[in-house]
C-alpha cells in the first residue's frame, strides 16, 4: 500500500540547521564505493569509537596524509609538537 505524504509545510535542508551543517560538511566530497580489508575497517571503527569520531572521517584523513607524503613518523611528530605547545 502506498502512503501519501503532505510536503506542503516542508522546509529546505538549508533552512534546517542540522541539515544545513551536514550539507556544508559534505561540500567538496564525492560518494564512492571501495573495498577494504575487514581488519583495516575494524581498526578504523575501533579508533573512531575510542576518539568519539567517525571512521569515515579518520579514513579520509589518513588518505589525505598519504597523498601529502606524510609518514606515520611525521604525524606523530606533529601531534607531539601540538600537545607540547598546548601544555
C-alpha atoms as a PDB file:
ATOM      1  CA  UNK A   1       0.000   0.000   0.000  1.00  0.00           C
ATOM      2  CA  UNK A   2       1.367   3.380  -0.974  1.00  0.00           C
ATOM      3  CA  UNK A   3       1.034   6.164   1.578  1.00  0.00           C
ATOM      4  CA  UNK A   4       0.576   9.758   0.591  1.00  0.00           C
ATOM      5  CA  UNK A   5       2.782  12.371   2.206  1.00  0.00           C
ATOM      6  CA  UNK A   6       1.997  16.036   2.632  1.00  0.00           C
ATOM      7  CA  UNK A   7       5.084  18.144   1.921  1.00  0.00           C
ATOM      8  CA  UNK A   8       3.238  21.470   1.842  1.00  0.00           C
ATOM      9  CA  UNK A   9       4.948  22.593   5.099  1.00  0.00           C
ATOM     10  CA  UNK A  10       8.338  21.060   4.306  1.00  0.00           C
ATOM     11  CA  UNK A  11      11.468  23.149   4.735  1.00  0.00           C
ATOM     12  CA  UNK A  12      14.526  23.198   2.520  1.00  0.00           C
ATOM     13  CA  UNK A  13      17.579  21.466   4.000  1.00  0.00           C
ATOM     14  CA  UNK A  14      19.440  24.784   4.122  1.00  0.00           C
ATOM     15  CA  UNK A  15      16.704  26.153   6.433  1.00  0.00           C
ATOM     16  CA  UNK A  16      17.131  23.355   8.992  1.00  0.00           C
ATOM     17  CA  UNK A  17      20.347  23.997  10.982  1.00  0.00           C
ATOM     18  CA  UNK A  18      21.375  20.347  11.361  1.00  0.00           C
ATOM     19  CA  UNK A  19      20.779  19.560   7.683  1.00  0.00           C
ATOM     20  CA  UNK A  20      22.462  22.770   6.565  1.00  0.00           C
ATOM     21  CA  UNK A  21      25.537  21.831   8.621  1.00  0.00           C
ATOM     22  CA  UNK A  22      25.600  18.358   7.030  1.00  0.00           C
ATOM     23  CA  UNK A  23      25.371  19.838   3.553  1.00  0.00           C
ATOM     24  CA  UNK A  24      28.248  22.191   4.339  1.00  0.00           C
ATOM     25  CA  UNK A  25      30.378  19.330   5.670  1.00  0.00           C
ATOM     26  CA  UNK A  26      29.739  17.286   2.532  1.00  0.00           C
ATOM     27  CA  UNK A  27      30.734  20.073   0.144  1.00  0.00           C
ATOM     28  CA  UNK A  28      33.768  19.112  -1.889  1.00  0.00           C
ATOM     29  CA  UNK A  29      33.393  15.387  -1.232  1.00  0.00           C
ATOM     30  CA  UNK A  30      32.402  12.533  -3.512  1.00  0.00           C
ATOM     31  CA  UNK A  31      30.489   9.413  -2.593  1.00  0.00           C
ATOM     32  CA  UNK A  32      32.377   6.290  -3.689  1.00  0.00           C
ATOM     33  CA  UNK A  33      32.284   2.565  -3.123  1.00  0.00           C
ATOM     34  CA  UNK A  34      35.528   0.968  -2.007  1.00  0.00           C
ATOM     35  CA  UNK A  35      36.536  -2.455  -0.750  1.00  0.00           C
ATOM     36  CA  UNK A  36      38.907  -2.595   2.203  1.00  0.00           C
ATOM     37  CA  UNK A  37      40.164  -5.480   4.300  1.00  0.00           C
ATOM     38  CA  UNK A  38      37.915  -6.299   7.239  1.00  0.00           C
ATOM     39  CA  UNK A  39      40.803  -5.839   9.671  1.00  0.00           C
ATOM     40  CA  UNK A  40      41.523  -2.363   8.297  1.00  0.00           C
ATOM     41  CA  UNK A  41      37.893  -1.334   8.598  1.00  0.00           C
ATOM     42  CA  UNK A  42      37.687  -2.777  12.108  1.00  0.00           C
ATOM     43  CA  UNK A  43      40.780  -0.820  13.139  1.00  0.00           C
ATOM     44  CA  UNK A  44      39.351   2.469  11.876  1.00  0.00           C
ATOM     45  CA  UNK A  45      35.989   1.786  13.520  1.00  0.00           C
ATOM     46  CA  UNK A  46      37.686   0.932  16.829  1.00  0.00           C
ATOM     47  CA  UNK A  47      39.786   4.103  16.674  1.00  0.00           C
ATOM     48  CA  UNK A  48      36.697   6.178  15.901  1.00  0.00           C
ATOM     49  CA  UNK A  49      34.857   4.647  18.842  1.00  0.00           C
ATOM     50  CA  UNK A  50      37.751   5.471  21.177  1.00  0.00           C
ATOM     51  CA  UNK A  51      38.015   9.062  19.986  1.00  0.00           C
ATOM     52  CA  UNK A  52      34.297   9.671  19.576  1.00  0.00           C
ATOM     53  CA  UNK A  53      34.756  10.391  15.893  1.00  0.00           C
ATOM     54  CA  UNK A  54      33.618   8.867  12.636  1.00  0.00           C
ATOM     55  CA  UNK A  55      35.591   6.071  10.985  1.00  0.00           C
ATOM     56  CA  UNK A  56      34.992   7.506   7.510  1.00  0.00           C
ATOM     57  CA  UNK A  57      36.480  10.831   8.599  1.00  0.00           C
ATOM     58  CA  UNK A  58      39.513   9.020  10.019  1.00  0.00           C
ATOM     59  CA  UNK A  59      39.971   7.099   6.775  1.00  0.00           C
ATOM     60  CA  UNK A  60      39.688  10.324   4.782  1.00  0.00           C
ATOM     61  CA  UNK A  61      42.313  11.978   6.998  1.00  0.00           C
ATOM     62  CA  UNK A  62      44.663   9.000   6.586  1.00  0.00           C
ATOM     63  CA  UNK A  63      44.271   9.103   2.808  1.00  0.00           C
ATOM     64  CA  UNK A  64      44.818  12.848   2.794  1.00  0.00           C
ATOM     65  CA  UNK A  65      48.022  12.472   4.810  1.00  0.00           C
ATOM     66  CA  UNK A  66      49.220   9.769   2.431  1.00  0.00           C
ATOM     67  CA  UNK A  67      48.601  11.956  -0.624  1.00  0.00           C
ATOM     68  CA  UNK A  68      50.615  14.717   1.039  1.00  0.00           C
ATOM     69  CA  UNK A  69      53.509  12.317   1.514  1.00  0.00           C
ATOM     70  CA  UNK A  70      53.212  12.302   5.295  1.00  0.00           C
ATOM     71  CA  UNK A  71      54.577   9.296   7.126  1.00  0.00           C
ATOM     72  CA  UNK A  72      53.401   7.974  10.466  1.00  0.00           C
ATOM     73  CA  UNK A  73      56.567   9.481  11.908  1.00  0.00           C
ATOM     74  CA  UNK A  74      55.573  12.919  10.580  1.00  0.00           C
ATOM     75  CA  UNK A  75      52.081  12.636  12.038  1.00  0.00           C
ATOM     76  CA  UNK A  76      53.373  11.514  15.448  1.00  0.00           C
ATOM     77  CA  UNK A  77      55.970  14.292  15.486  1.00  0.00           C
ATOM     78  CA  UNK A  78      53.353  16.938  14.595  1.00  0.00           C
ATOM     79  CA  UNK A  79      50.945  15.603  17.216  1.00  0.00           C
ATOM     80  CA  UNK A  80      53.614  15.731  19.925  1.00  0.00           C
ATOM     81  CA  UNK A  81      54.504  19.303  18.929  1.00  0.00           C
ATOM     82  CA  UNK A  82      50.832  20.331  19.092  1.00  0.00           C
ATOM     83  CA  UNK A  83      50.403  18.721  22.510  1.00  0.00           C
ATOM     84  CA  UNK A  84      53.554  20.322  23.882  1.00  0.00           C
ATOM     85  CA  UNK A  85      52.501  23.706  22.538  1.00  0.00           C
ATOM     86  CA  UNK A  86      49.049  23.356  24.105  1.00  0.00           C
ATOM     87  CA  UNK A  87      50.516  22.478  27.517  1.00  0.00           C
END
